[in-house]
Amino acid sequence: MVLELSAYLHSMQAVYQTVVFNWRNQENVTSQYSIHLRITIDRKARYYSIPLPLKITPEQ
């Protein structure tokens, strides 16, 4: 039973998702930035752009 549970836990993947503002940490003239979705699976992060009609400022 312990061996089966260990094999099951080893095969599970940790998945995290976070909304990220200005993920490159670059400043621009207008101070408006895109929003991205960061999805992390087993410590490997990928960023996906979220299509919005307007970019947002830090105050928003």
N, C-alpha and C. Protein backbone atom coordinates (compact mmCIF):
# COMPACT_ATOMS: atom_id res chain seq x y z
N MET A 1 0.82 -1.19 0.00
CA MET A 1 0.00 0.00 0.00
C MET A 1 0.87 1.26 0.00
N VAL A 2 1.94 1.27 0.78
CA VAL A 2 2.81 2.43 0.86
C VAL A 2 3.49 2.68 -0.48
N LEU A 3 3.92 1.64 -1.15
CA LEU A 3 4.57 1.78 -2.45
C LEU A 3 3.60 2.34 -3.49
N GLU A 4 2.35 1.88 -3.48
CA GLU A 4 1.35 2.40 -4.42
C GLU A 4 1.08 3.88 -4.17
N LEU A 5 0.96 4.27 -2.91
CA LEU A 5 0.71 5.67 -2.56
C LEU A 5 1.89 6.53 -2.95
N SER A 6 3.10 6.05 -2.74
CA SER A 6 4.30 6.79 -3.11
C SER A 6 4.37 7.00 -4.62
N ALA A 7 4.05 6.00 -5.40
CA ALA A 7 4.06 6.12 -6.86
C ALA A 7 2.98 7.09 -7.32
N TYR A 8 1.82 7.08 -6.66
CA TYR A 8 0.73 8.00 -7.01
C TYR A 8 1.14 9.45 -6.71
N LEU A 9 1.71 9.70 -5.55
CA LEU A 9 2.12 11.06 -5.19
C LEU A 9 3.24 11.56 -6.08
N HIS A 10 4.11 10.69 -6.51
CA HIS A 10 5.21 11.09 -7.38
C HIS A 10 4.70 11.50 -8.76
N SER A 11 3.61 10.89 -9.21
CA SER A 11 3.10 11.21 -10.53
C SER A 11 2.24 12.48 -10.55
N MET A 12 1.86 12.99 -9.38
CA MET A 12 1.03 14.21 -9.33
C MET A 12 1.88 15.42 -9.70
N GLN A 13 1.26 16.38 -10.38
CA GLN A 13 1.96 17.59 -10.77
C GLN A 13 1.35 18.77 -10.01
N ALA A 14 2.22 19.67 -9.54
CA ALA A 14 1.76 20.88 -8.88
C ALA A 14 1.48 21.93 -9.95
N VAL A 15 0.26 22.45 -9.97
CA VAL A 15 -0.13 23.45 -10.95
C VAL A 15 -0.58 24.71 -10.22
N TYR A 16 0.02 25.85 -10.57
CA TYR A 16 -0.33 27.12 -9.98
C TYR A 16 -0.62 28.11 -11.09
N GLN A 17 -1.58 29.00 -10.85
CA GLN A 17 -1.87 30.04 -11.83
C GLN A 17 -1.98 31.38 -11.10
N THR A 18 -1.45 32.42 -11.73
CA THR A 18 -1.42 33.75 -11.14
C THR A 18 -1.58 34.79 -12.24
N VAL A 19 -2.31 35.85 -11.93
CA VAL A 19 -2.40 36.98 -12.85
C VAL A 19 -1.24 37.91 -12.55
N VAL A 20 -0.50 38.32 -13.59
CA VAL A 20 0.72 39.09 -13.42
C VAL A 20 0.60 40.41 -14.17
N PHE A 21 0.98 41.48 -13.51
CA PHE A 21 0.99 42.82 -14.08
C PHE A 21 2.43 43.22 -14.35
N ASN A 22 2.76 43.59 -15.59
CA ASN A 22 4.11 44.02 -15.97
C ASN A 22 5.15 42.97 -15.56
N TRP A 23 5.03 41.77 -16.08
CA TRP A 23 5.89 40.67 -15.64
C TRP A 23 7.35 40.82 -16.06
N ARG A 24 7.63 41.68 -17.01
CA ARG A 24 9.02 41.91 -17.42
C ARG A 24 9.70 43.01 -16.59
N ASN A 25 8.91 43.72 -15.78
CA ASN A 25 9.41 44.80 -14.94
C ASN A 25 10.11 45.90 -15.74
N GLN A 26 9.59 46.18 -16.91
CA GLN A 26 10.15 47.24 -17.75
C GLN A 26 9.23 48.45 -17.70
N GLU A 27 9.83 49.63 -17.57
CA GLU A 27 9.05 50.85 -17.58
C GLU A 27 8.90 51.34 -19.01
N ASN A 28 7.75 51.95 -19.31
CA ASN A 28 7.57 52.55 -20.62
C ASN A 28 7.04 53.98 -20.44
N VAL A 29 6.96 54.74 -21.50
CA VAL A 29 6.62 56.16 -21.43
C VAL A 29 5.18 56.37 -20.94
N THR A 30 4.24 55.55 -21.41
CA THR A 30 2.84 55.76 -21.05
C THR A 30 2.45 55.18 -19.71
N SER A 31 3.29 54.37 -19.11
CA SER A 31 3.00 53.69 -17.84
C SER A 31 1.76 52.81 -17.93
N GLN A 32 1.48 52.28 -19.09
CA GLN A 32 0.38 51.34 -19.27
C GLN A 32 0.95 49.99 -19.67
N TYR A 33 0.43 48.95 -19.07
CA TYR A 33 1.01 47.62 -19.24
C TYR A 33 -0.05 46.58 -19.54
N SER A 34 0.37 45.48 -20.11
CA SER A 34 -0.51 44.35 -20.40
C SER A 34 -0.63 43.46 -19.17
N ILE A 35 -1.65 42.65 -19.17
CA ILE A 35 -1.86 41.67 -18.11
C ILE A 35 -1.55 40.29 -18.70
N HIS A 36 -0.85 39.47 -17.91
CA HIS A 36 -0.50 38.12 -18.35
C HIS A 36 -0.95 37.11 -17.31
N LEU A 37 -1.16 35.91 -17.74
CA LEU A 37 -1.47 34.80 -16.86
C LEU A 37 -0.24 33.91 -16.78
N ARG A 38 0.27 33.72 -15.56
CA ARG A 38 1.42 32.84 -15.36
C ARG A 38 0.91 31.49 -14.87
N ILE A 39 1.24 30.44 -15.61
CA ILE A 39 0.87 29.08 -15.23
C ILE A 39 2.16 28.32 -14.96
N THR A 40 2.26 27.80 -13.75
CA THR A 40 3.45 27.07 -13.33
C THR A 40 3.09 25.61 -13.11
N ILE A 41 3.79 24.74 -13.82
CA ILE A 41 3.61 23.30 -13.66
C ILE A 41 4.97 22.71 -13.34
N ASP A 42 5.07 22.13 -12.17
CA ASP A 42 6.34 21.54 -11.70
C ASP A 42 7.51 22.50 -11.84
N ARG A 43 7.35 23.70 -11.33
CA ARG A 43 8.38 24.75 -11.28
C ARG A 43 8.75 25.32 -12.65
N LYS A 44 8.00 25.02 -13.69
CA LYS A 44 8.25 25.58 -15.02
C LYS A 44 7.14 26.56 -15.33
N ALA A 45 7.47 27.85 -15.39
CA ALA A 45 6.47 28.89 -15.60
C ALA A 45 6.37 29.27 -17.08
N ARG A 46 5.13 29.49 -17.52
CA ARG A 46 4.87 30.01 -18.87
C ARG A 46 3.91 31.17 -18.72
N TYR A 47 4.10 32.19 -19.55
CA TYR A 47 3.28 33.39 -19.50
C TYR A 47 2.41 33.46 -20.74
N TYR A 48 1.13 33.78 -20.52
CA TYR A 48 0.16 33.90 -21.61
C TYR A 48 -0.49 35.27 -21.53
N SER A 49 -0.53 35.96 -22.65
CA SER A 49 -1.14 37.28 -22.71
C SER A 49 -2.66 37.16 -22.63
N ILE A 50 -3.26 38.05 -21.85
CA ILE A 50 -4.71 38.11 -21.75
C ILE A 50 -5.17 39.26 -22.64
N PRO A 51 -5.95 38.98 -23.67
CA PRO A 51 -6.36 40.06 -24.59
C PRO A 51 -7.37 41.00 -23.92
N LEU A 52 -6.98 42.25 -23.80
CA LEU A 52 -7.84 43.29 -23.25
C LEU A 52 -7.92 44.43 -24.26
N PRO A 53 -9.04 45.17 -24.28
CA PRO A 53 -9.14 46.28 -25.23
C PRO A 53 -8.18 47.43 -24.91
N LEU A 54 -7.84 47.60 -23.63
CA LEU A 54 -6.93 48.66 -23.22
C LEU A 54 -5.88 48.08 -22.28
N LYS A 55 -4.72 48.72 -22.29
CA LYS A 55 -3.71 48.38 -21.28
C LYS A 55 -4.05 49.15 -20.00
N ILE A 56 -3.54 48.70 -18.87
CA ILE A 56 -3.90 49.35 -17.61
C ILE A 56 -2.69 50.01 -16.97
N THR A 57 -2.94 50.94 -16.06
CA THR A 57 -1.89 51.61 -15.30
C THR A 57 -1.81 51.00 -13.92
N PRO A 58 -0.73 51.21 -13.20
CA PRO A 58 -0.62 50.64 -11.84
C PRO A 58 -1.71 51.15 -10.89
N GLU A 59 -2.22 52.34 -11.11
CA GLU A 59 -3.26 52.89 -10.24
C GLU A 59 -4.60 52.18 -10.43
N GLN A 60 -4.83 51.62 -11.59
CA GLN A 60 -6.09 50.96 -11.85
C GLN A 60 -6.10 49.60 -11.19
